[in-house]
């Protein structure tokens, strides 16, 4: 991984899902950095590259929705470019 290479961050507390997403994204030639919690992501994420965030909405502790709000408040994300695809959670709808 070189500094500045685009990266996909995966934040997922379920280890099997995190591993599956990491393997899938890696299989198409993209760099992936997985995290098991929102706090771990905030403490260790790279800030030197264009990035995409694949985020579990229902994380324990700081939820995915809370993380999204923090990123927007830090200026690290534009809320117009955040879209939810809540598989398996009928009570959490798309953001747009």
Protein backbone atom coordinates (compact mmCIF):
# COMPACT_ATOMS: atom_id res chain seq x y z
CA UNK A 1 0.00 0.00 0.00
CA UNK A 2 1.45 3.34 -1.07
CA UNK A 3 0.63 6.65 0.56
CA UNK A 4 -2.16 8.31 -1.38
CA UNK A 5 -3.58 5.12 -2.95
CA UNK A 6 -7.40 5.04 -2.83
CA UNK A 7 -8.68 2.78 -0.07
CA UNK A 8 -11.94 1.24 1.08
CA UNK A 9 -12.50 1.27 4.83
CA UNK A 10 -14.77 -1.50 6.16
CA UNK A 11 -16.23 -0.97 9.64
CA UNK A 12 -18.09 -4.09 10.74
CA UNK A 13 -18.26 -5.75 14.18
CA UNK A 14 -19.17 -9.21 12.85
CA UNK A 15 -15.83 -10.85 12.05
CA UNK A 16 -17.19 -13.18 9.35
CA UNK A 17 -18.96 -10.31 7.56
CA UNK A 18 -15.88 -8.08 7.91
CA UNK A 19 -13.69 -10.81 6.42
CA UNK A 20 -16.16 -11.51 3.59
CA UNK A 21 -16.41 -7.83 2.66
CA UNK A 22 -12.63 -7.46 2.81
CA UNK A 23 -12.14 -10.49 0.56
CA UNK A 24 -14.78 -9.31 -1.92
CA UNK A 25 -13.39 -5.80 -2.23
CA UNK A 26 -9.82 -7.06 -2.45
CA UNK A 27 -10.85 -9.50 -5.21
CA UNK A 28 -11.61 -6.58 -7.53
CA UNK A 29 -8.19 -5.05 -6.94
CA UNK A 30 -9.01 -2.40 -4.36
CA UNK A 31 -7.08 -1.74 -1.16
CA UNK A 32 -9.06 -2.46 2.00
CA UNK A 33 -8.51 -1.58 5.63
CA UNK A 34 -10.96 -3.34 7.97
CA UNK A 35 -11.99 -2.15 11.44
CA UNK A 36 -14.10 -3.90 14.08
CA UNK A 37 -15.59 -0.74 15.62
CA UNK A 38 -16.30 2.89 14.92
CA UNK A 39 -13.86 3.94 17.66
CA UNK A 40 -11.08 1.80 16.17
CA UNK A 41 -11.74 3.43 12.79
CA UNK A 42 -11.56 6.94 14.27
CA UNK A 43 -8.31 6.14 16.09
CA UNK A 44 -6.46 4.43 13.24
CA UNK A 45 -7.83 5.38 9.83
CA UNK A 46 -5.55 6.76 7.14
CA UNK A 47 -6.27 10.33 6.13
CA UNK A 48 -3.77 10.58 3.28
CA UNK A 49 -5.82 8.99 0.50
CA UNK A 50 -9.17 9.16 -1.27
CA UNK A 51 -11.47 6.74 0.51
CA UNK A 52 -14.78 4.95 0.53
CA UNK A 53 -16.40 3.80 3.77
CA UNK A 54 -18.46 0.61 4.03
CA UNK A 55 -20.13 0.96 7.41
CA UNK A 56 -22.34 -1.27 9.54
CA UNK A 57 -25.23 0.89 10.73
CA UNK A 58 -25.75 -1.06 13.95
CA UNK A 59 -22.35 -1.19 15.59
CA UNK A 60 -22.17 -1.62 19.38
CA UNK A 61 -21.02 1.46 21.25
CA UNK A 62 -20.65 4.25 18.72
CA UNK A 63 -23.15 3.25 16.00
CA UNK A 64 -22.59 3.64 12.30
CA UNK A 65 -25.09 6.51 12.23
CA UNK A 66 -23.24 8.24 15.09
CA UNK A 67 -19.94 7.76 13.26
CA UNK A 68 -21.40 9.31 10.13
CA UNK A 69 -22.53 12.35 12.13
CA UNK A 70 -19.04 12.67 13.69
CA UNK A 71 -17.34 12.50 10.30
CA UNK A 72 -19.61 15.21 8.92
CA UNK A 73 -19.03 17.41 11.99
CA UNK A 74 -15.23 16.98 11.59
CA UNK A 75 -15.50 17.99 7.95
CA UNK A 76 -14.20 14.53 6.98
CA UNK A 77 -17.35 13.65 5.07
CA UNK A 78 -19.99 15.43 3.07
CA UNK A 79 -23.45 14.29 4.12
CA UNK A 80 -24.62 14.65 0.50
CA UNK A 81 -22.34 11.75 -0.45
CA UNK A 82 -23.31 9.29 2.26
CA UNK A 83 -25.85 6.66 1.30
CA UNK A 84 -27.17 3.82 3.42
CA UNK A 85 -27.96 0.36 2.13
CA UNK A 86 -29.41 -1.24 5.28
CA UNK A 87 -29.64 -4.94 4.41
CA UNK A 88 -31.72 -6.77 6.95
CA UNK A 89 -32.80 -3.69 8.93
CA UNK A 90 -36.29 -2.65 7.76
CA UNK A 91 -36.48 0.13 10.38
CA UNK A 92 -33.36 1.93 9.04
CA UNK A 93 -34.13 3.55 5.71
CA UNK A 94 -31.89 5.00 3.00
CA UNK A 95 -30.57 8.48 3.68
CA UNK A 96 -31.83 9.80 0.35
